[in-house]
Amino acid sequence: PPPPAPKPEPKPEVVLTDDDYKAMYMADAKRAGYGAAVMLGVGIVSPTAAFSNMFTTFALSGVIGYQVVWGVAHSLHSPLMAVTNAVSGMTAVGGMYTMGGGLMPSTLAETLGF
């Protein structure tokens, strides 16, 4: 009979210390602080309140989209991206369509959205 396979050596366990949690907490706090500072800066220099609202919506949708796509298993990534692209396209078309105010399009953006 063949000789028995050697037993694998156990890997040492990594134990997280309080310093690791503190470092992770501080990194998250810094990111949140930077994000708040950027949003405050955009709010200060924005020409209108509508710009601030639209920029905030855009930024939040970007963050949420990033988290959704990276949280998906590899085998489901392509079907999810196909649906995501379709939804994004329809959202863009709807946004261009709602930018106009009349019944018929009067600009190129409204025409593309129509």
PDB file of N, CA and C in Angstrom:
ATOM      1  N   PRO A   1       0.832  -1.191   0.000  1.00  0.00           N
ATOM      2  CA  PRO A   1       0.000   0.000   0.000  1.00  0.00           C
ATOM      3  C   PRO A   1       0.880   1.259   0.000  1.00  0.00           C
ATOM      4  N   PRO A   2       0.327   2.355  -0.531  1.00  0.00           N
ATOM      5  CA  PRO A   2       1.110   3.600  -0.554  1.00  0.00           C
ATOM      6  C   PRO A   2       1.247   4.170   0.859  1.00  0.00           C
ATOM      7  N   PRO A   3       2.291   4.933   1.075  1.00  0.00           N
ATOM      8  CA  PRO A   3       2.467   5.514   2.418  1.00  0.00           C
ATOM      9  C   PRO A   3       1.374   6.552   2.687  1.00  0.00           C
ATOM     10  N   PRO A   4       0.997   6.733   3.928  1.00  0.00           N
ATOM     11  CA  PRO A   4      -0.055   7.713   4.245  1.00  0.00           C
ATOM     12  C   PRO A   4       0.424   9.139   3.942  1.00  0.00           C
ATOM     13  N   ALA A   5      -0.529   9.950   3.559  1.00  0.00           N
ATOM     14  CA  ALA A   5      -0.210  11.351   3.250  1.00  0.00           C
ATOM     15  C   ALA A   5       0.186  12.076   4.531  1.00  0.00           C
ATOM     16  N   PRO A   6       1.141  12.977   4.425  1.00  0.00           N
ATOM     17  CA  PRO A   6       1.538  13.707   5.640  1.00  0.00           C
ATOM     18  C   PRO A   6       0.406  14.621   6.105  1.00  0.00           C
ATOM     19  N   LYS A   7       0.302  14.754   7.387  1.00  0.00           N
ATOM     20  CA  LYS A   7      -0.743  15.603   7.953  1.00  0.00           C
ATOM     21  C   LYS A   7      -0.342  17.074   7.774  1.00  0.00           C
ATOM     22  N   PRO A   8      -1.293  17.889   7.320  1.00  0.00           N
ATOM     23  CA  PRO A   8      -0.948  19.312   7.156  1.00  0.00           C
ATOM     24  C   PRO A   8      -0.736  19.972   8.513  1.00  0.00           C
ATOM     25  N   GLU A   9       0.222  20.885   8.522  1.00  0.00           N
ATOM     26  CA  GLU A   9       0.497  21.592   9.768  1.00  0.00           C
ATOM     27  C   GLU A   9      -0.591  22.643   9.990  1.00  0.00           C
ATOM     28  N   PRO A  10      -1.100  22.741  11.186  1.00  0.00           N
ATOM     29  CA  PRO A  10      -2.147  23.750  11.439  1.00  0.00           C
ATOM     30  C   PRO A  10      -1.564  25.160  11.320  1.00  0.00           C
ATOM     31  N   LYS A  11      -2.361  26.038  10.727  1.00  0.00           N
ATOM     32  CA  LYS A  11      -1.930  27.430  10.588  1.00  0.00           C
ATOM     33  C   LYS A  11      -2.192  28.156  11.904  1.00  0.00           C
ATOM     34  N   PRO A  12      -1.303  29.049  12.258  1.00  0.00           N
ATOM     35  CA  PRO A  12      -1.553  29.800  13.502  1.00  0.00           C
ATOM     36  C   PRO A  12      -2.744  30.732  13.317  1.00  0.00           C
ATOM     37  N   GLU A  13      -3.564  30.823  14.340  1.00  0.00           N
ATOM     38  CA  GLU A  13      -4.744  31.675  14.280  1.00  0.00           C
ATOM     39  C   GLU A  13      -4.341  33.133  14.467  1.00  0.00           C
ATOM     40  N   VAL A  14      -4.992  33.993  13.711  1.00  0.00           N
ATOM     41  CA  VAL A  14      -4.745  35.424  13.842  1.00  0.00           C
ATOM     42  C   VAL A  14      -5.764  35.979  14.827  1.00  0.00           C
ATOM     43  N   VAL A  15      -5.275  36.572  15.866  1.00  0.00           N
ATOM     44  CA  VAL A  15      -6.142  37.123  16.898  1.00  0.00           C
ATOM     45  C   VAL A  15      -6.146  38.638  16.747  1.00  0.00           C
ATOM     46  N   LEU A  16      -7.341  39.211  16.589  1.00  0.00           N
ATOM     47  CA  LEU A  16      -7.454  40.659  16.494  1.00  0.00           C
ATOM     48  C   LEU A  16      -7.367  41.267  17.882  1.00  0.00           C
ATOM     49  N   THR A  17      -6.632  42.335  17.958  1.00  0.00           N
ATOM     50  CA  THR A  17      -6.502  43.025  19.236  1.00  0.00           C
ATOM     51  C   THR A  17      -7.361  44.279  19.207  1.00  0.00           C
ATOM     52  N   ASP A  18      -7.432  44.934  20.347  1.00  0.00           N
ATOM     53  CA  ASP A  18      -8.203  46.169  20.433  1.00  0.00           C
ATOM     54  C   ASP A  18      -7.647  47.237  19.498  1.00  0.00           C
ATOM     55  N   ASP A  19      -6.336  47.225  19.275  1.00  0.00           N
ATOM     56  CA  ASP A  19      -5.725  48.213  18.386  1.00  0.00           C
ATOM     57  C   ASP A  19      -6.241  48.058  16.958  1.00  0.00           C
ATOM     58  N   ASP A  20      -6.475  46.814  16.518  1.00  0.00           N
ATOM     59  CA  ASP A  20      -6.984  46.601  15.165  1.00  0.00           C
ATOM     60  C   ASP A  20      -8.383  47.197  15.018  1.00  0.00           C
ATOM     61  N   TYR A  21      -9.225  47.007  15.998  1.00  0.00           N
ATOM     62  CA  TYR A  21     -10.569  47.569  15.943  1.00  0.00           C
ATOM     63  C   TYR A  21     -10.513  49.093  15.966  1.00  0.00           C
ATOM     64  N   LYS A  22      -9.628  49.617  16.765  1.00  0.00           N
ATOM     65  CA  LYS A  22      -9.502  51.071  16.835  1.00  0.00           C
ATOM     66  C   LYS A  22      -9.022  51.624  15.498  1.00  0.00           C
ATOM     67  N   ALA A  23      -8.069  50.958  14.859  1.00  0.00           N
ATOM     68  CA  ALA A  23      -7.566  51.425  13.564  1.00  0.00           C
ATOM     69  C   ALA A  23      -8.662  51.368  12.505  1.00  0.00           C
ATOM     70  N   MET A  24      -9.447  50.297  12.507  1.00  0.00           N
ATOM     71  CA  MET A  24     -10.542  50.204  11.539  1.00  0.00           C
ATOM     72  C   MET A  24     -11.580  51.294  11.800  1.00  0.00           C
ATOM     73  N   TYR A  25     -11.894  51.524  13.050  1.00  0.00           N
ATOM     74  CA  TYR A  25     -12.869  52.560  13.407  1.00  0.00           C
ATOM     75  C   TYR A  25     -12.370  53.940  12.991  1.00  0.00           C
ATOM     76  N   MET A  26     -11.100  54.207  13.242  1.00  0.00           N
ATOM     77  CA  MET A  26     -10.541  55.512  12.887  1.00  0.00           C
ATOM     78  C   MET A  26     -10.504  55.705  11.375  1.00  0.00           C
ATOM     79  N   ALA A  27     -10.192  54.649  10.629  1.00  0.00           N
ATOM     80  CA  ALA A  27     -10.178  54.756   9.169  1.00  0.00           C
ATOM     81  C   ALA A  27     -11.579  55.056   8.641  1.00  0.00           C
ATOM     82  N   ASP A  28     -12.576  54.383   9.181  1.00  0.00           N
ATOM     83  CA  ASP A  28     -13.961  54.653   8.770  1.00  0.00           C
ATOM     84  C   ASP A  28     -14.385  56.069   9.161  1.00  0.00           C
ATOM     85  N   ALA A  29     -13.975  56.516  10.327  1.00  0.00           N
ATOM     86  CA  ALA A  29     -14.322  57.862  10.773  1.00  0.00           C
ATOM     87  C   ALA A  29     -13.670  58.915   9.881  1.00  0.00           C
ATOM     88  N   LYS A  30     -12.427  58.670   9.469  1.00  0.00           N
ATOM     89  CA  LYS A  30     -11.756  59.611   8.564  1.00  0.00           C
ATOM     90  C   LYS A  30     -12.474  59.676   7.225  1.00  0.00           C
ATOM     91  N   ARG A  31     -12.842  58.509   6.690  1.00  0.00           N
ATOM     92  CA  ARG A  31     -13.556  58.493   5.408  1.00  0.00           C
ATOM     93  C   ARG A  31     -14.880  59.249   5.512  1.00  0.00           C
ATOM     94  N   ALA A  32     -15.598  59.032   6.592  1.00  0.00           N
ATOM     95  CA  ALA A  32     -16.873  59.727   6.777  1.00  0.00           C
ATOM     96  C   ALA A  32     -16.652  61.230   6.913  1.00  0.00           C
ATOM     97  N   GLY A  33     -15.612  61.611   7.612  1.00  0.00           N
ATOM     98  CA  GLY A  33     -15.302  63.031   7.763  1.00  0.00           C
ATOM     99  C   GLY A  33     -14.931  63.679   6.441  1.00  0.00           C
ATOM    100  N   TYR A  34     -14.118  62.987   5.640  1.00  0.00           N
ATOM    101  CA  TYR A  34     -13.750  63.520   4.325  1.00  0.00           C
ATOM    102  C   TYR A  34     -14.985  63.644   3.435  1.00  0.00           C
ATOM    103  N   GLY A  35     -15.839  62.635   3.473  1.00  0.00           N
ATOM    104  CA  GLY A  35     -17.062  62.688   2.668  1.00  0.00           C
ATOM    105  C   GLY A  35     -17.959  63.839   3.083  1.00  0.00           C
ATOM    106  N   ALA A  36     -18.090  64.049   4.388  1.00  0.00           N
ATOM    107  CA  ALA A  36     -18.911  65.161   4.877  1.00  0.00           C
ATOM    108  C   ALA A  36     -18.302  66.497   4.478  1.00  0.00           C
ATOM    109  N   ALA A  37     -16.968  66.603   4.524  1.00  0.00           N
ATOM    110  CA  ALA A  37     -16.309  67.849   4.127  1.00  0.00           C
ATOM    111  C   ALA A  37     -16.513  68.131   2.642  1.00  0.00           C
ATOM    112  N   VAL A  38     -16.439  67.086   1.818  1.00  0.00           N
ATOM    113  CA  VAL A  38     -16.662  67.266   0.381  1.00  0.00           C
ATOM    114  C   VAL A  38     -18.096  67.704   0.127  1.00  0.00           C
ATOM    115  N   MET A  39     -19.043  67.066   0.783  1.00  0.00           N
ATOM    116  CA  MET A  39     -20.445  67.443   0.590  1.00  0.00           C
ATOM    117  C   MET A  39     -20.699  68.877   1.068  1.00  0.00           C
ATOM    118  N   LEU A  40     -20.095  69.264   2.169  1.00  0.00           N
ATOM    119  CA  LEU A  40     -20.240  70.635   2.652  1.00  0.00           C
ATOM    120  C   LEU A  40     -19.627  71.614   1.654  1.00  0.00           C
ATOM    121  N   GLY A  41     -18.451  71.270   1.121  1.00  0.00           N
ATOM    122  CA  GLY A  41     -17.814  72.129   0.124  1.00  0.00           C
ATOM    123  C   GLY A  41     -18.651  72.273  -1.129  1.00  0.00           C
ATOM    124  N   VAL A  42     -19.223  71.182  -1.594  1.00  0.00           N
ATOM    125  CA  VAL A  42     -20.090  71.246  -2.776  1.00  0.00           C
ATOM    126  C   VAL A  42     -21.313  72.099  -2.473  1.00  0.00           C
ATOM    127  N   GLY A  43     -21.856  71.965  -1.282  1.00  0.00           N
ATOM    128  CA  GLY A  43     -23.012  72.773  -0.908  1.00  0.00           C
ATOM    129  C   GLY A  43     -22.694  74.258  -0.840  1.00  0.00           C
ATOM    130  N   ILE A  44     -21.483  74.579  -0.408  1.00  0.00           N
ATOM    131  CA  ILE A  44     -21.103  75.989  -0.297  1.00  0.00           C
ATOM    132  C   ILE A  44     -20.898  76.618  -1.674  1.00  0.00           C
ATOM    133  N   VAL A  45     -20.242  75.897  -2.582  1.00  0.00           N
ATOM    134  CA  VAL A  45     -19.914  76.487  -3.888  1.00  0.00           C
ATOM    135  C   VAL A  45     -20.962  76.199  -4.954  1.00  0.00           C
ATOM    136  N   SER A  46     -22.009  75.469  -4.638  1.00  0.00           N
ATOM    137  CA  SER A  46     -23.006  75.144  -5.661  1.00  0.00           C
ATOM    138  C   SER A  46     -23.812  76.383  -6.035  1.00  0.00           C
ATOM    139  N   PRO A  47     -24.148  76.498  -7.318  1.00  0.00           N
ATOM    140  CA  PRO A  47     -24.873  77.690  -7.759  1.00  0.00           C
ATOM    141  C   PRO A  47     -26.322  77.737  -7.273  1.00  0.00           C
ATOM    142  N   THR A  48     -26.978  76.590  -7.168  1.00  0.00           N
ATOM    143  CA  THR A  48     -28.379  76.565  -6.735  1.00  0.00           C
ATOM    144  C   THR A  48     -28.595  75.398  -5.783  1.00  0.00           C
ATOM    145  N   ALA A  49     -29.717  75.435  -5.094  1.00  0.00           N
ATOM    146  CA  ALA A  49     -30.056  74.332  -4.192  1.00  0.00           C
ATOM    147  C   ALA A  49     -30.369  73.065  -4.978  1.00  0.00           C
ATOM    148  N   ALA A  50     -30.913  73.213  -6.174  1.00  0.00           N
ATOM    149  CA  ALA A  50     -31.231  72.040  -6.991  1.00  0.00           C
ATOM    150  C   ALA A  50     -29.961  71.293  -7.372  1.00  0.00           C
ATOM    151  N   PHE A  51     -28.881  72.028  -7.640  1.00  0.00           N
ATOM    152  CA  PHE A  51     -27.611  71.380  -7.965  1.00  0.00           C
ATOM    153  C   PHE A  51     -27.132  70.535  -6.795  1.00  0.00           C
ATOM    154  N   SER A  52     -27.210  71.082  -5.586  1.00  0.00           N
ATOM    155  CA  SER A  52     -26.792  70.328  -4.399  1.00  0.00           C
ATOM    156  C   SER A  52     -27.621  69.066  -4.234  1.00  0.00           C
ATOM    157  N   ASN A  53     -28.924  69.160  -4.439  1.00  0.00           N
ATOM    158  CA  ASN A  53     -29.795  67.991  -4.316  1.00  0.00           C
ATOM    159  C   ASN A  53     -29.442  66.930  -5.349  1.00  0.00           C
ATOM    160  N   MET A  54     -29.249  67.353  -6.588  1.00  0.00           N
ATOM    161  CA  MET A  54     -28.932  66.382  -7.641  1.00  0.00           C
ATOM    162  C   MET A  54     -27.554  65.763  -7.439  1.00  0.00           C
ATOM    163  N   PHE A  55     -26.581  66.570  -7.002  1.00  0.00           N
ATOM    164  CA  PHE A  55     -25.241  66.042  -6.768  1.00  0.00           C
ATOM    165  C   PHE A  55     -25.247  65.036  -5.623  1.00  0.00           C
ATOM    166  N   THR A  56     -25.984  65.334  -4.562  1.00  0.00           N
ATOM    167  CA  THR A  56     -26.080  64.404  -3.436  1.00  0.00           C
ATOM    168  C   THR A  56     -26.725  63.092  -3.865  1.00  0.00           C
ATOM    169  N   THR A  57     -27.788  63.172  -4.649  1.00  0.00           N
ATOM    170  CA  THR A  57     -28.441  61.961  -5.150  1.00  0.00           C
ATOM    171  C   THR A  57     -27.491  61.159  -6.022  1.00  0.00           C
ATOM    172  N   PHE A  58     -26.748  61.842  -6.877  1.00  0.00           N
ATOM    173  CA  PHE A  58     -25.783  61.171  -7.744  1.00  0.00           C
ATOM    174  C   PHE A  58     -24.696  60.473  -6.926  1.00  0.00           C
ATOM    175  N   ALA A  59     -24.160  61.160  -5.928  1.00  0.00           N
ATOM    176  CA  ALA A  59     -23.099  60.579  -5.110  1.00  0.00           C
ATOM    177  C   ALA A  59     -23.603  59.371  -4.323  1.00  0.00           C
ATOM    178  N   LEU A  60     -24.772  59.482  -3.725  1.00  0.00           N
ATOM    179  CA  LEU A  60     -25.319  58.354  -2.964  1.00  0.00           C
ATOM    180  C   LEU A  60     -25.629  57.165  -3.863  1.00  0.00           C
ATOM    181  N   SER A  61     -26.147  57.420  -5.061  1.00  0.00           N
ATOM    182  CA  SER A  61     -26.431  56.311  -5.975  1.00  0.00           C
ATOM    183  C   SER A  61     -25.141  55.643  -6.424  1.00  0.00           C
ATOM    184  N   GLY A  62     -24.073  56.420  -6.574  1.00  0.00           N
ATOM    185  CA  GLY A  62     -22.784  55.822  -6.921  1.00  0.00           C
ATOM    186  C   GLY A  62     -22.263  54.914  -5.824  1.00  0.00           C
ATOM    187  N   VAL A  63     -22.364  55.361  -4.586  1.00  0.00           N
ATOM    188  CA  VAL A  63     -21.903  54.549  -3.454  1.00  0.00           C
ATOM    189  C   VAL A  63     -22.742  53.282  -3.326  1.00  0.00           C
ATOM    190  N   ILE A  64     -24.045  53.419  -3.430  1.00  0.00           N
ATOM    191  CA  ILE A  64     -24.926  52.256  -3.307  1.00  0.00           C
ATOM    192  C   ILE A  64     -24.687  51.278  -4.452  1.00  0.00           C
ATOM    193  N   GLY A  65     -24.546  51.792  -5.661  1.00  0.00           N
ATOM    194  CA  GLY A  65     -24.271  50.920  -6.803  1.00  0.00           C
ATOM    195  C   GLY A  65     -22.965  50.166  -6.646  1.00  0.00           C
ATOM    196  N   TYR A  66     -21.946  50.834  -6.149  1.00  0.00           N
ATOM    197  CA  TYR A  66     -20.652  50.186  -5.918  1.00  0.00           C
ATOM    198  C   TYR A  66     -20.802  49.048  -4.913  1.00  0.00           C
ATOM    199  N   GLN A  67     -21.495  49.303  -3.823  1.00  0.00           N
ATOM    200  CA  GLN A  67     -21.676  48.275  -2.803  1.00  0.00           C
ATOM    201  C   GLN A  67     -22.500  47.102  -3.319  1.00  0.00           C
ATOM    202  N   VAL A  68     -23.511  47.379  -4.128  1.00  0.00           N
ATOM    203  CA  VAL A  68     -24.361  46.310  -4.657  1.00  0.00           C
ATOM    204  C   VAL A  68     -23.574  45.417  -5.601  1.00  0.00           C
ATOM    205  N   VAL A  69     -22.818  46.023  -6.508  1.00  0.00           N
ATOM    206  CA  VAL A  69     -22.095  45.233  -7.508  1.00  0.00           C
ATOM    207  C   VAL A  69     -20.979  44.426  -6.860  1.00  0.00           C
ATOM    208  N   TRP A  70     -20.237  44.994  -5.917  1.00  0.00           N
ATOM    209  CA  TRP A  70     -19.134  44.265  -5.303  1.00  0.00           C
ATOM    210  C   TRP A  70     -19.608  43.227  -4.292  1.00  0.00           C
ATOM    211  N   GLY A  71     -20.868  43.269  -3.898  1.00  0.00           N
ATOM    212  CA  GLY A  71     -21.373  42.288  -2.951  1.00  0.00           C
ATOM    213  C   GLY A  71     -21.996  41.067  -3.602  1.00  0.00           C
ATOM    214  N   VAL A  72     -21.853  40.930  -4.923  1.00  0.00           N
ATOM    215  CA  VAL A  72     -22.497  39.844  -5.660  1.00  0.00           C
ATOM    216  C   VAL A  72     -21.477  38.749  -5.961  1.00  0.00           C
ATOM    217  N   ALA A  73     -21.926  37.508  -5.922  1.00  0.00           N
ATOM    218  CA  ALA A  73     -21.058  36.383  -6.263  1.00  0.00           C
ATOM    219  C   ALA A  73     -20.621  36.482  -7.719  1.00  0.00           C
ATOM    220  N   HIS A  74     -19.459  35.917  -8.009  1.00  0.00           N
ATOM    221  CA  HIS A  74     -18.880  36.031  -9.353  1.00  0.00           C
ATOM    222  C   HIS A  74     -19.799  35.447 -10.424  1.00  0.00           C
ATOM    223  N   SER A  75     -20.457  34.346 -10.131  1.00  0.00           N
ATOM    224  CA  SER A  75     -21.305  33.699 -11.140  1.00  0.00           C
ATOM    225  C   SER A  75     -22.540  34.534 -11.478  1.00  0.00           C
ATOM    226  N   LEU A  76     -22.950  35.413 -10.592  1.00  0.00           N
ATOM    227  CA  LEU A  76     -24.124  36.246 -10.841  1.00  0.00           C
ATOM    228  C   LEU A  76     -23.767  37.635 -11.360  1.00  0.00           C
ATOM    229  N   HIS A  77     -22.481  37.909 -11.527  1.00  0.00           N
ATOM    230  CA  HIS A  77     -22.059  39.262 -11.873  1.00  0.00           C
ATOM    231  C   HIS A  77     -22.564  39.696 -13.245  1.00  0.00           C
ATOM    232  N   SER A  78     -22.434  38.852 -14.267  1.00  0.00           N
ATOM    233  CA  SER A  78     -22.853  39.240 -15.623  1.00  0.00           C
ATOM    234  C   SER A  78     -24.357  39.479 -15.728  1.00  0.00           C
ATOM    235  N   PRO A  79     -25.213  38.583 -15.202  1.00  0.00           N
ATOM    236  CA  PRO A  79     -26.650  38.888 -15.263  1.00  0.00           C
ATOM    237  C   PRO A  79     -27.014  40.161 -14.503  1.00  0.00           C
ATOM    238  N   LEU A  80     -26.375  40.383 -13.368  1.00  0.00           N
ATOM    239  CA  LEU A  80     -26.663  41.592 -12.603  1.00  0.00           C
ATOM    240  C   LEU A  80     -26.244  42.831 -13.382  1.00  0.00           C
ATOM    241  N   MET A  81     -25.092  42.760 -14.028  1.00  0.00           N
ATOM    242  CA  MET A  81     -24.622  43.922 -14.781  1.00  0.00           C
ATOM    243  C   MET A  81     -25.536  44.207 -15.964  1.00  0.00           C
ATOM    244  N   ALA A  82     -26.082  43.178 -16.585  1.00  0.00           N
ATOM    245  CA  ALA A  82     -26.998  43.399 -17.701  1.00  0.00           C
ATOM    246  C   ALA A  82     -28.240  44.147 -17.223  1.00  0.00           C
ATOM    247  N   VAL A  83     -28.782  43.728 -16.096  1.00  0.00           N
ATOM    248  CA  VAL A  83     -29.966  44.396 -15.555  1.00  0.00           C
ATOM    249  C   VAL A  83     -29.602  45.801 -15.077  1.00  0.00           C
ATOM    250  N   THR A  84     -28.449  45.938 -14.434  1.00  0.00           N
ATOM    251  CA  THR A  84     -28.019  47.244 -13.946  1.00  0.00           C
ATOM    252  C   THR A  84     -27.847  48.223 -15.096  1.00  0.00           C
ATOM    253  N   ASN A  85     -27.247  47.774 -16.190  1.00  0.00           N
ATOM    254  CA  ASN A  85     -27.066  48.652 -17.343  1.00  0.00           C
ATOM    255  C   ASN A  85     -28.407  49.051 -17.937  1.00  0.00           C
ATOM    256  N   ALA A  86     -29.349  48.131 -17.992  1.00  0.00           N
ATOM    257  CA  ALA A  86     -30.668  48.457 -18.529  1.00  0.00           C
ATOM    258  C   ALA A  86     -31.374  49.484 -17.643  1.00  0.00           C
ATOM    259  N   VAL A  87     -31.302  49.288 -16.338  1.00  0.00           N
ATOM    260  CA  VAL A  87     -31.936  50.230 -15.417  1.00  0.00           C
ATOM    261  C   VAL A  87     -31.252  51.592 -15.505  1.00  0.00           C
ATOM    262  N   SER A  88     -29.929  51.592 -15.599  1.00  0.00           N
ATOM    263  CA  SER A  88     -29.207  52.858 -15.708  1.00  0.00           C
ATOM    264  C   SER A  88     -29.580  53.588 -16.983  1.00  0.00           C
ATOM    265  N   GLY A  89     -29.711  52.856 -18.072  1.00  0.00           N
ATOM    266  CA  GLY A  89     -30.101  53.480 -19.334  1.00  0.00           C
ATOM    267  C   GLY A  89     -31.484  54.090 -19.261  1.00  0.00           C
ATOM    268  N   MET A  90     -32.412  53.367 -18.673  1.00  0.00           N
ATOM    269  CA  MET A  90     -33.771  53.897 -18.554  1.00  0.00           C
ATOM    270  C   MET A  90     -33.810  55.100 -17.600  1.00  0.00           C
ATOM    271  N   THR A  91     -32.994  55.068 -16.558  1.00  0.00           N
ATOM    272  CA  THR A  91     -32.925  56.206 -15.645  1.00  0.00           C
ATOM    273  C   THR A  91     -32.380  57.435 -16.358  1.00  0.00           C
ATOM    274  N   ALA A  92     -31.348  57.237 -17.173  1.00  0.00           N
ATOM    275  CA  ALA A  92     -30.779  58.363 -17.923  1.00  0.00           C
ATOM    276  C   ALA A  92     -31.795  58.929 -18.909  1.00  0.00           C
ATOM    277  N   VAL A  93     -32.500  58.048 -19.597  1.00  0.00           N
ATOM    278  CA  VAL A  93     -33.517  58.511 -20.549  1.00  0.00           C
ATOM    279  C   VAL A  93     -34.618  59.269 -19.814  1.00  0.00           C
ATOM    280  N   GLY A  94     -35.059  58.744 -18.691  1.00  0.00           N
ATOM    281  CA  GLY A  94     -36.090  59.428 -17.915  1.00  0.00           C
ATOM    282  C   GLY A  94     -35.619  60.773 -17.399  1.00  0.00           C
ATOM    283  N   GLY A  95     -34.356  60.849 -16.984  1.00  0.00           N
ATOM    284  CA  GLY A  95     -33.811  62.122 -16.518  1.00  0.00           C
ATOM    285  C   GLY A  95     -33.758  63.157 -17.621  1.00  0.00           C
ATOM    286  N   MET A  96     -33.326  62.725 -18.801  1.00  0.00           N
ATOM    287  CA  MET A  96     -33.284  63.671 -19.924  1.00  0.00           C
ATOM    288  C   MET A  96     -34.693  64.097 -20.324  1.00  0.00           C
ATOM    289  N   TYR A  97     -35.614  63.174 -20.236  1.00  0.00           N
ATOM    290  CA  TYR A  97     -36.996  63.490 -20.611  1.00  0.00           C
ATOM    291  C   TYR A  97     -37.618  64.492 -19.641  1.00  0.00           C
ATOM    292  N   THR A  98     -37.356  64.297 -18.361  1.00  0.00           N
ATOM    293  CA  THR A  98     -37.966  65.191 -17.377  1.00  0.00           C
ATOM    294  C   THR A  98     -37.294  66.553 -17.313  1.00  0.00           C
ATOM    295  N   MET A  99     -36.130  66.700 -17.920  1.00  0.00           N
ATOM    296  CA  MET A  99     -35.483  68.011 -17.930  1.00  0.00           C
ATOM    297  C   MET A  99     -36.283  69.014 -18.751  1.00  0.00           C
ATOM    298  N   GLY A 100     -37.011  68.541 -19.739  1.00  0.00           N
ATOM    299  CA  GLY A 100     -37.803  69.439 -20.566  1.00  0.00           C
ATOM    300  C   GLY A 100     -39.125  69.753 -19.900  1.00  0.00           C
ATOM    301  N   GLY A 101     -39.750  70.851 -20.328  1.00  0.00           N
ATOM    302  CA  GLY A 101     -41.002  71.225 -19.705  1.00  0.00           C
ATOM    303  C   GLY A 101     -42.184  71.191 -20.650  1.00  0.00           C
ATOM    304  N   GLY A 102     -41.928  71.149 -21.949  1.00  0.00           N
ATOM    305  CA  GLY A 102     -43.021  71.222 -22.900  1.00  0.00           C
ATOM    306  C   GLY A 102     -43.488  69.857 -23.354  1.00  0.00           C
ATOM    307  N   LEU A 103     -44.516  69.879 -24.196  1.00  0.00           N
ATOM    308  CA  LEU A 103     -45.052  68.635 -24.730  1.00  0.00           C
ATOM    309  C   LEU A 103     -44.104  68.032 -25.757  1.00  0.00           C
ATOM    310  N   MET A 104     -43.527  68.869 -26.607  1.00  0.00           N
ATOM    311  CA  MET A 104     -42.589  68.412 -27.630  1.00  0.00           C
ATOM    312  C   MET A 104     -41.176  68.821 -27.219  1.00  0.00           C
ATOM    313  N   PRO A 105     -40.178  68.009 -27.555  1.00  0.00           N
ATOM    314  CA  PRO A 105     -38.806  68.372 -27.185  1.00  0.00           C
ATOM    315  C   PRO A 105     -38.335  69.606 -27.944  1.00  0.00           C
ATOM    316  N   SER A 106     -37.600  70.451 -27.237  1.00  0.00           N
ATOM    317  CA  SER A 106     -37.097  71.667 -27.870  1.00  0.00           C
ATOM    318  C   SER A 106     -35.576  71.722 -27.892  1.00  0.00           C
ATOM    319  N   THR A 107     -34.910  70.801 -27.203  1.00  0.00           N
ATOM    320  CA  THR A 107     -33.448  70.756 -27.200  1.00  0.00           C
ATOM    321  C   THR A 107     -32.996  69.360 -27.591  1.00  0.00           C
ATOM    322  N   LEU A 108     -31.685  69.225 -27.807  1.00  0.00           N
ATOM    323  CA  LEU A 108     -31.129  67.924 -28.176  1.00  0.00           C
ATOM    324  C   LEU A 108     -31.308  66.910 -27.037  1.00  0.00           C
ATOM    325  N   ALA A 109     -31.091  67.337 -25.795  1.00  0.00           N
ATOM    326  CA  ALA A 109     -31.245  66.423 -24.656  1.00  0.00           C
ATOM    327  C   ALA A 109     -32.677  65.916 -24.544  1.00  0.00           C
ATOM    328  N   GLU A 110     -33.631  66.807 -24.731  1.00  0.00           N
ATOM    329  CA  GLU A 110     -35.033  66.387 -24.675  1.00  0.00           C
ATOM    330  C   GLU A 110     -35.360  65.459 -25.839  1.00  0.00           C
ATOM    331  N   THR A 111     -34.782  65.725 -26.992  1.00  0.00           N
ATOM    332  CA  THR A 111     -35.015  64.865 -28.155  1.00  0.00           C
ATOM    333  C   THR A 111     -34.461  63.471 -27.909  1.00  0.00           C
ATOM    334  N   LEU A 112     -33.253  63.393 -27.339  1.00  0.00           N
ATOM    335  CA  LEU A 112     -32.673  62.081 -27.035  1.00  0.00           C
ATOM    336  C   LEU A 112     -33.495  61.356 -25.979  1.00  0.00           C
ATOM    337  N   GLY A 113     -34.044  62.078 -25.034  1.00  0.00           N
ATOM    338  CA  GLY A 113     -34.871  61.468 -23.999  1.00  0.00           C
ATOM    339  C   GLY A 113     -36.245  61.084 -24.481  1.00  0.00           C
ATOM    340  N   PHE A 114     -36.717  61.749 -25.528  1.00  0.00           N
ATOM    341  CA  PHE A 114     -38.039  61.474 -26.055  1.00  0.00           C
ATOM    342  C   PHE A 114     -38.009  60.175 -26.798  1.00  0.00           C
TER     343      PHE A 114
END
